[in-house]
Each structure stands twice: as C-alpha cells, then as structure tokens.
C-alpha cells in the first residue's frame, strides 16, 4: 500500500507528504483532480476501470482532489466542492451498476488540508475476481505504472486464484475439525459435543499478513462475555488462545486467534450430553450471533473487516434432536417427526462467503436453517 499506516489513520500530513516527496501514481495509488460530474459518463467509466483494476490486484487508494505535474508527480491540492455523502452515493451507484461481478464497495474518507478538502477511496483486493466494467468488457490489472489490460493468461490465473483461496480455507477447516475431534487440548474438554465456528477474513491468504498477538494479549478482556466461565489467555503453537474453564480444569470454551487472522470459537458446554440429547436451536443461534457481534468489532481494529469466510460445525451429535420453544410448536410449521433425530455424526454446514454487512444476516440464517433441516424442520420455527 502507498502509506505505512492503515487507511483510517491517514491525515492531512500524509497528503502533504505526497506533494513534498513528489510521489507518483503506482500499483496501489491513483490521483484524480476532481470527482466525476453526474453527466460525465466517460469519467465515470474511467473511475470504474481504475476501481476494478485495484480489486483485481492488491487493492489501493484513489485520491480525489490531487493534481499531478508533467512528470506525473503529486504537486497541488484541488478543493473538492461536492459533499462526501453526495459523492459516496454516486460512487456506490457507479460501482454497483458498472462493475461485474459485484465488488465490495470502496471505503470513503474526507480529509481537509488547510482550507481544501480531498476525498480518499480505499479499494480492497477482491475474493471474487476477476472483475470487468460493462462499458468495454475489459479486465484490468495494476502494475507500477498504473492500470493495464489483462491478457488471457492473467485472467485465467485470477479465476484459479479465486478457487485457491476458498480451497485454502476448506483445507484449514477440515484439519482443525479433525484436531478438535481428537480432543487434543492442554485441558480436558467438558464434553465430546463441541460447537465450532470459524471466521476467516479474506486477508488470511495474503503472505506476510500477521496479527499483533502481543498487543491483543495485553488488551483487557477483548471478547467481553463470549467466555462465561472465565477469561484466561495464553500463547500457543497456533497463536493466542482465550479460554474459560470450570474449577475442576474442564475446558468450557475457547477462542483461538491464529497468526494469519483466522479465528476459531469452540463451545464444549452448550451441547452437554444428557438423557434428552437436546439442542436448543434458538439458544444456538443466539450464541453464534453473539460471537460475530463480538468478533467483527474486534477484528475491525486491525483492518480485517469484510469480506470473510464463515462456517459452523456441530461435532458428534448423532442421536441428538433440535428443539424449539413450546410456544412455537403450536405454529403451523412443517416438521417431519420421522427425521427428528439427527442421523449424521457431525453437522458440517457448508462455508459461506460474506461480502458486507447487508448480506450478513441472510447468509447466517441460511446456515442456521441447514442445522434445523438436520432435525426435520424446514427452517427455524421462530423466524
């Protein structure tokens, strides 16, 4: 990236330094004197071409309101007259309407330099690459000289890399579930029926992406009430673990933070084996939503926001059944009693890729409904 700090930490001094150091556009940086006018179709297309090129490569920043000299170096700040909200809406519509397949919308900021303002748009590298712009049906990438048209071999490589990232996550997930099933932990787990949730920001697949584990460990209880029976923490081979245990040293739950940004939450208590072998479906949903409500703000502090992979697994649940509240049993819900008992050893819900906050609940509910399906319900009776 063009700066040695996160996008949210950039200041007026960083913009001034571009001019003082005569910085030119490069693979991760683009300058525009003004934002496109509402009736300037040509400028809108060019902006979308640049945005798609960043998304197809390593991401980057477009600075609106920065003029270049004849050598292509930043040399003057041009005040942007439009309001940020107005331009934000315009840019969102441009990106949604013109870039295929859809990308995560750019992050926008306004920075005032003396009495002038500039807009900064951060484009993240895309998981769902490659992207093209509808107007010219061309795929663009980035190199040190800026935007360029991808050739057939580069386009093919991008399609293959997209699959590779998904396969990396699935391979990781399988390996972790095998280890959890083996109950290979320093403390003895409370039960043999864990709930396992994996959260993987797309950045986990990028080389050199490491979380500041020492800093995270120094934080005072970053996961709030996620672990109800204690807040112990310790470094381990995989990274950093936060966990809770009962007085007899039985492991109740843990959150494992891997160095590459993947987070694994395991609850050994909620599916405690009993005569009824009952899974409280609504309580299960609440606990997983609580996990995400805790993890997303935590991970945002380290610039690992959307998009991310997400998965739910219930281990060793053969013979269990999922129950709804008594009030909901009276509803006209299609529930096949013949399939009430879970027949599979594990419920491994297919992983989902969540690109933004708007689609979070929809995809979560899809995962939850699959769990309800395993016990004869067509969906959560409470939904």
Foldseek 3Di string as FASTA:
>chain_A
DPDPDDPVPDALVVVVVQQVVQPADFQAEEEAQEQDDPPPPVRLLVVLLQLLQQQLEAWHKYKYQFDHDPVRTTHDGHAYPDDPVVVLVVQVVSQPVWKPPHAFAWDWDWYDNPNGIMMMTTRGHGLPDNMDTNVPRFTWHGGGVGIDTDDPVSRVVSVVVSVVLVVVVVVVVVVVVVVVQVQPDPFRAPANKKKKKKKFQSQLPPPPQFDPQVVVVPDDCLQPCLAVADWDKDADPQGIKTFHADPVRHTAKMWDQGGSGMIMIMGRPQQHDDPQSEHALVVVLVSVVSRCVRVQVVVVVVVRHDWIKMWIKIAQSAQHFYDYDPVLVPDPFFFDQVQRTQHDRMDTQDIDIHGDPVCVVVVSQVSSCSVNVSRRTNGHSVD
